[in-house]
N, C-alpha and C. Protein backbone atom coordinates (compact mmCIF):
# COMPACT_ATOMS: atom_id res chain seq x y z
N MET A 1 -3.26 -13.61 -8.65
CA MET A 1 -2.40 -13.35 -9.79
C MET A 1 -1.06 -12.78 -9.36
N ILE A 2 -1.07 -11.72 -8.58
CA ILE A 2 0.17 -11.07 -8.14
C ILE A 2 0.95 -11.97 -7.19
N GLU A 3 0.23 -12.69 -6.33
CA GLU A 3 0.87 -13.51 -5.31
C GLU A 3 1.86 -14.51 -5.90
N LYS A 4 1.58 -15.04 -7.07
CA LYS A 4 2.46 -16.05 -7.65
C LYS A 4 3.81 -15.48 -8.07
N PHE A 5 3.92 -14.16 -8.15
CA PHE A 5 5.18 -13.51 -8.51
C PHE A 5 5.99 -13.09 -7.28
N LEU A 6 5.38 -13.20 -6.10
CA LEU A 6 6.01 -12.68 -4.89
C LEU A 6 6.70 -13.78 -4.09
N LEU A 7 7.71 -13.35 -3.34
CA LEU A 7 8.42 -14.23 -2.44
C LEU A 7 8.05 -13.88 -1.01
N GLU A 8 8.31 -14.78 -0.10
CA GLU A 8 8.03 -14.52 1.31
C GLU A 8 9.14 -13.69 1.93
N GLY A 9 8.75 -12.79 2.82
CA GLY A 9 9.70 -12.03 3.61
C GLY A 9 10.05 -10.68 3.04
N LYS A 10 10.16 -9.73 3.97
CA LYS A 10 10.50 -8.35 3.59
C LYS A 10 11.83 -8.27 2.86
N GLN A 11 12.78 -9.12 3.25
CA GLN A 11 14.09 -9.11 2.61
C GLN A 11 14.03 -9.52 1.14
N ASN A 12 12.92 -10.12 0.73
CA ASN A 12 12.73 -10.55 -0.66
C ASN A 12 11.72 -9.70 -1.41
N ALA A 13 11.44 -8.52 -0.88
CA ALA A 13 10.46 -7.63 -1.52
C ALA A 13 10.88 -7.30 -2.95
N ILE A 14 9.90 -7.30 -3.83
CA ILE A 14 10.12 -6.98 -5.25
C ILE A 14 9.64 -5.56 -5.50
N LYS A 15 10.52 -4.75 -6.06
CA LYS A 15 10.20 -3.35 -6.32
C LYS A 15 9.01 -3.23 -7.27
N SER A 16 8.28 -2.15 -7.10
CA SER A 16 7.05 -1.93 -7.86
C SER A 16 7.25 -2.03 -9.36
N GLN A 17 8.23 -1.33 -9.89
CA GLN A 17 8.43 -1.33 -11.34
C GLN A 17 8.80 -2.72 -11.85
N GLN A 18 9.66 -3.40 -11.09
CA GLN A 18 10.05 -4.75 -11.48
C GLN A 18 8.84 -5.69 -11.48
N LEU A 19 8.01 -5.58 -10.46
CA LEU A 19 6.81 -6.42 -10.37
C LEU A 19 5.82 -6.06 -11.49
N ALA A 20 5.67 -4.78 -11.76
CA ALA A 20 4.78 -4.36 -12.86
C ALA A 20 5.24 -4.97 -14.17
N ASP A 21 6.54 -4.97 -14.40
CA ASP A 21 7.08 -5.56 -15.63
C ASP A 21 6.83 -7.07 -15.67
N LEU A 22 7.05 -7.75 -14.53
CA LEU A 22 6.84 -9.20 -14.46
C LEU A 22 5.39 -9.58 -14.74
N VAL A 23 4.49 -8.79 -14.18
CA VAL A 23 3.06 -9.08 -14.29
C VAL A 23 2.51 -8.66 -15.66
N GLY A 24 3.18 -7.71 -16.30
CA GLY A 24 2.71 -7.23 -17.59
C GLY A 24 1.84 -6.00 -17.50
N CYS A 25 2.00 -5.25 -16.41
CA CYS A 25 1.25 -4.01 -16.24
C CYS A 25 1.89 -2.90 -17.06
N LYS A 26 1.06 -1.97 -17.52
CA LYS A 26 1.56 -0.84 -18.29
C LYS A 26 2.20 0.22 -17.40
N SER A 27 1.83 0.20 -16.10
CA SER A 27 2.35 1.21 -15.18
C SER A 27 2.32 0.67 -13.75
N VAL A 28 3.04 1.34 -12.88
CA VAL A 28 3.02 1.00 -11.46
C VAL A 28 1.62 1.26 -10.91
N ARG A 29 0.97 2.30 -11.38
CA ARG A 29 -0.38 2.62 -10.94
C ARG A 29 -1.34 1.46 -11.24
N GLU A 30 -1.23 0.89 -12.43
CA GLU A 30 -2.06 -0.26 -12.79
C GLU A 30 -1.77 -1.43 -11.84
N LEU A 31 -0.51 -1.65 -11.54
CA LEU A 31 -0.12 -2.70 -10.58
C LEU A 31 -0.77 -2.45 -9.23
N GLN A 32 -0.72 -1.22 -8.75
CA GLN A 32 -1.29 -0.88 -7.45
C GLN A 32 -2.80 -1.13 -7.44
N GLU A 33 -3.46 -0.86 -8.53
CA GLU A 33 -4.90 -1.11 -8.62
C GLU A 33 -5.21 -2.60 -8.55
N ILE A 34 -4.40 -3.40 -9.22
CA ILE A 34 -4.59 -4.85 -9.18
C ILE A 34 -4.35 -5.37 -7.76
N ILE A 35 -3.29 -4.89 -7.13
CA ILE A 35 -2.99 -5.31 -5.76
C ILE A 35 -4.12 -4.91 -4.82
N ALA A 36 -4.65 -3.71 -4.98
CA ALA A 36 -5.78 -3.27 -4.14
C ALA A 36 -6.98 -4.19 -4.32
N THR A 37 -7.26 -4.58 -5.54
CA THR A 37 -8.38 -5.48 -5.82
C THR A 37 -8.15 -6.84 -5.18
N GLU A 38 -6.93 -7.35 -5.30
CA GLU A 38 -6.61 -8.65 -4.72
C GLU A 38 -6.66 -8.60 -3.19
N ARG A 39 -6.17 -7.51 -2.61
CA ARG A 39 -6.25 -7.36 -1.15
C ARG A 39 -7.70 -7.32 -0.70
N ALA A 40 -8.54 -6.61 -1.44
CA ALA A 40 -9.96 -6.53 -1.09
C ALA A 40 -10.63 -7.90 -1.16
N ALA A 41 -10.09 -8.78 -1.99
CA ALA A 41 -10.63 -10.14 -2.13
C ALA A 41 -10.02 -11.10 -1.10
N GLY A 42 -9.10 -10.57 -0.25
CA GLY A 42 -8.55 -11.40 0.82
C GLY A 42 -7.09 -11.76 0.72
N ALA A 43 -6.42 -11.36 -0.36
CA ALA A 43 -4.99 -11.67 -0.49
C ALA A 43 -4.20 -10.87 0.54
N VAL A 44 -3.21 -11.51 1.12
CA VAL A 44 -2.34 -10.82 2.08
C VAL A 44 -1.03 -10.52 1.36
N ILE A 45 -1.00 -9.34 0.77
CA ILE A 45 0.18 -8.86 0.05
C ILE A 45 0.73 -7.70 0.86
N LEU A 46 1.92 -7.90 1.42
CA LEU A 46 2.53 -6.87 2.25
C LEU A 46 3.43 -6.00 1.40
N SER A 47 3.76 -4.83 1.94
CA SER A 47 4.69 -3.94 1.25
C SER A 47 5.53 -3.21 2.28
N THR A 48 6.64 -2.71 1.80
CA THR A 48 7.54 -1.93 2.64
C THR A 48 8.10 -0.78 1.83
N CYS A 49 8.48 0.28 2.52
CA CYS A 49 9.14 1.41 1.87
C CYS A 49 10.64 1.41 2.19
N ARG A 50 11.04 0.55 3.07
CA ARG A 50 12.44 0.50 3.50
C ARG A 50 13.31 -0.23 2.50
N ARG A 51 14.55 0.16 2.47
CA ARG A 51 15.55 -0.46 1.59
C ARG A 51 15.05 -0.61 0.15
N GLY A 52 14.57 0.46 -0.40
CA GLY A 52 14.11 0.43 -1.78
C GLY A 52 12.66 0.02 -1.94
N GLY A 53 12.08 -0.54 -0.90
CA GLY A 53 10.67 -0.88 -0.91
C GLY A 53 10.31 -2.03 -1.81
N GLY A 54 9.04 -2.35 -1.81
CA GLY A 54 8.53 -3.40 -2.67
C GLY A 54 7.42 -4.20 -2.01
N TYR A 55 6.98 -5.22 -2.71
CA TYR A 55 5.89 -6.08 -2.27
C TYR A 55 6.42 -7.47 -1.96
N PHE A 56 5.77 -8.12 -0.98
CA PHE A 56 6.20 -9.45 -0.58
C PHE A 56 5.06 -10.17 0.13
N LEU A 57 5.23 -11.46 0.34
CA LEU A 57 4.25 -12.26 1.07
C LEU A 57 4.71 -12.44 2.51
N PRO A 58 3.77 -12.62 3.42
CA PRO A 58 4.16 -12.84 4.82
C PRO A 58 4.84 -14.20 4.99
N THR A 59 5.73 -14.25 5.98
CA THR A 59 6.45 -15.49 6.28
C THR A 59 5.84 -16.22 7.46
N GLY A 60 4.89 -15.60 8.12
CA GLY A 60 4.36 -16.13 9.37
C GLY A 60 5.00 -15.43 10.56
N ASN A 61 5.87 -14.47 10.28
CA ASN A 61 6.54 -13.68 11.31
C ASN A 61 5.58 -12.58 11.77
N ARG A 62 5.16 -12.67 13.02
CA ARG A 62 4.20 -11.71 13.57
C ARG A 62 4.72 -10.28 13.49
N ARG A 63 6.00 -10.09 13.76
CA ARG A 63 6.58 -8.74 13.77
C ARG A 63 6.48 -8.10 12.38
N GLU A 64 6.77 -8.86 11.36
CA GLU A 64 6.73 -8.35 9.99
C GLU A 64 5.33 -7.87 9.63
N VAL A 65 4.33 -8.65 9.98
CA VAL A 65 2.94 -8.28 9.69
C VAL A 65 2.52 -7.10 10.55
N SER A 66 2.93 -7.09 11.81
CA SER A 66 2.60 -5.98 12.71
C SER A 66 3.19 -4.67 12.22
N GLU A 67 4.42 -4.70 11.72
CA GLU A 67 5.05 -3.49 11.17
C GLU A 67 4.27 -2.97 9.97
N TYR A 68 3.83 -3.87 9.13
CA TYR A 68 3.04 -3.49 7.96
C TYR A 68 1.72 -2.84 8.40
N ILE A 69 1.05 -3.46 9.35
CA ILE A 69 -0.21 -2.91 9.86
C ILE A 69 0.01 -1.52 10.46
N GLN A 70 1.07 -1.35 11.23
CA GLN A 70 1.35 -0.05 11.86
C GLN A 70 1.63 1.02 10.80
N THR A 71 2.34 0.64 9.75
CA THR A 71 2.60 1.58 8.65
C THR A 71 1.29 2.04 8.04
N LEU A 72 0.37 1.11 7.80
CA LEU A 72 -0.93 1.48 7.23
C LEU A 72 -1.74 2.34 8.18
N ARG A 73 -1.70 2.03 9.47
CA ARG A 73 -2.42 2.84 10.45
C ARG A 73 -1.88 4.27 10.46
N ASN A 74 -0.56 4.42 10.41
CA ASN A 74 0.05 5.76 10.39
C ASN A 74 -0.37 6.53 9.15
N ARG A 75 -0.38 5.86 8.00
CA ARG A 75 -0.82 6.52 6.76
C ARG A 75 -2.27 6.94 6.87
N ALA A 76 -3.09 6.06 7.43
CA ALA A 76 -4.52 6.37 7.58
C ALA A 76 -4.71 7.59 8.48
N LYS A 77 -3.96 7.66 9.58
CA LYS A 77 -4.07 8.82 10.48
C LYS A 77 -3.67 10.10 9.76
N ASN A 78 -2.58 10.04 9.00
CA ASN A 78 -2.13 11.22 8.25
C ASN A 78 -3.16 11.63 7.21
N THR A 79 -3.78 10.67 6.58
CA THR A 79 -4.82 10.96 5.59
C THR A 79 -6.02 11.62 6.26
N LEU A 80 -6.42 11.11 7.42
CA LEU A 80 -7.55 11.71 8.14
C LEU A 80 -7.26 13.15 8.56
N VAL A 81 -6.04 13.42 8.98
CA VAL A 81 -5.66 14.79 9.35
C VAL A 81 -5.78 15.70 8.13
N ALA A 82 -5.31 15.23 6.99
CA ALA A 82 -5.39 16.02 5.76
C ALA A 82 -6.85 16.27 5.36
N ILE A 83 -7.68 15.25 5.50
CA ILE A 83 -9.11 15.40 5.19
C ILE A 83 -9.75 16.43 6.11
N GLU A 84 -9.45 16.32 7.39
CA GLU A 84 -10.05 17.24 8.36
C GLU A 84 -9.67 18.69 8.08
N SER A 85 -8.42 18.94 7.76
CA SER A 85 -8.02 20.33 7.48
C SER A 85 -8.68 20.84 6.21
N ALA A 86 -8.81 19.98 5.21
CA ALA A 86 -9.48 20.38 3.97
C ALA A 86 -10.97 20.63 4.21
N GLU A 87 -11.59 19.80 5.04
CA GLU A 87 -13.00 20.00 5.36
C GLU A 87 -13.22 21.31 6.11
N GLU A 88 -12.33 21.63 7.03
CA GLU A 88 -12.44 22.90 7.76
C GLU A 88 -12.31 24.08 6.81
N TYR A 89 -11.39 23.98 5.88
CA TYR A 89 -11.21 25.02 4.88
C TYR A 89 -12.48 25.18 4.05
N LEU A 90 -13.05 24.05 3.63
CA LEU A 90 -14.28 24.08 2.83
C LEU A 90 -15.41 24.73 3.62
N LYS A 91 -15.52 24.43 4.90
CA LYS A 91 -16.55 25.05 5.73
C LYS A 91 -16.38 26.56 5.78
N ARG A 92 -15.13 27.01 5.89
CA ARG A 92 -14.87 28.45 5.93
C ARG A 92 -15.27 29.08 4.60
N LEU A 93 -14.97 28.43 3.50
CA LEU A 93 -15.36 28.95 2.17
C LEU A 93 -16.87 29.05 2.07
N GLU A 94 -17.55 28.02 2.53
CA GLU A 94 -19.01 27.99 2.43
C GLU A 94 -19.64 29.06 3.32
N SER A 95 -19.04 29.33 4.48
CA SER A 95 -19.60 30.34 5.37
C SER A 95 -19.34 31.75 4.83
N ASP A 96 -18.34 31.92 3.98
CA ASP A 96 -18.04 33.23 3.40
C ASP A 96 -18.97 33.54 2.23
N GLU A 97 -19.64 32.55 1.70
CA GLU A 97 -20.50 32.77 0.51
C GLU A 97 -21.78 33.44 0.84
């Protein structure tokens, strides 16, 4: 569903709000949920935060896809660090009880 609204290439990325409006979503959050569902089903929908950000389809350019993957890996690492610190805090709370 979302793919038919997207263009190929990072330079053609469509901003979240604009895409939400095109698709008929009530919010950007709803759009993100739809994109997550489509990605889980195998759709390759890339995104970028650079130059205003947005969503786009791959062009077959290995570098473009690699940059997207690296961005996700970095986010995942940052998320794991946040989880670990919260878990350590929780352990300290539990040991104080």
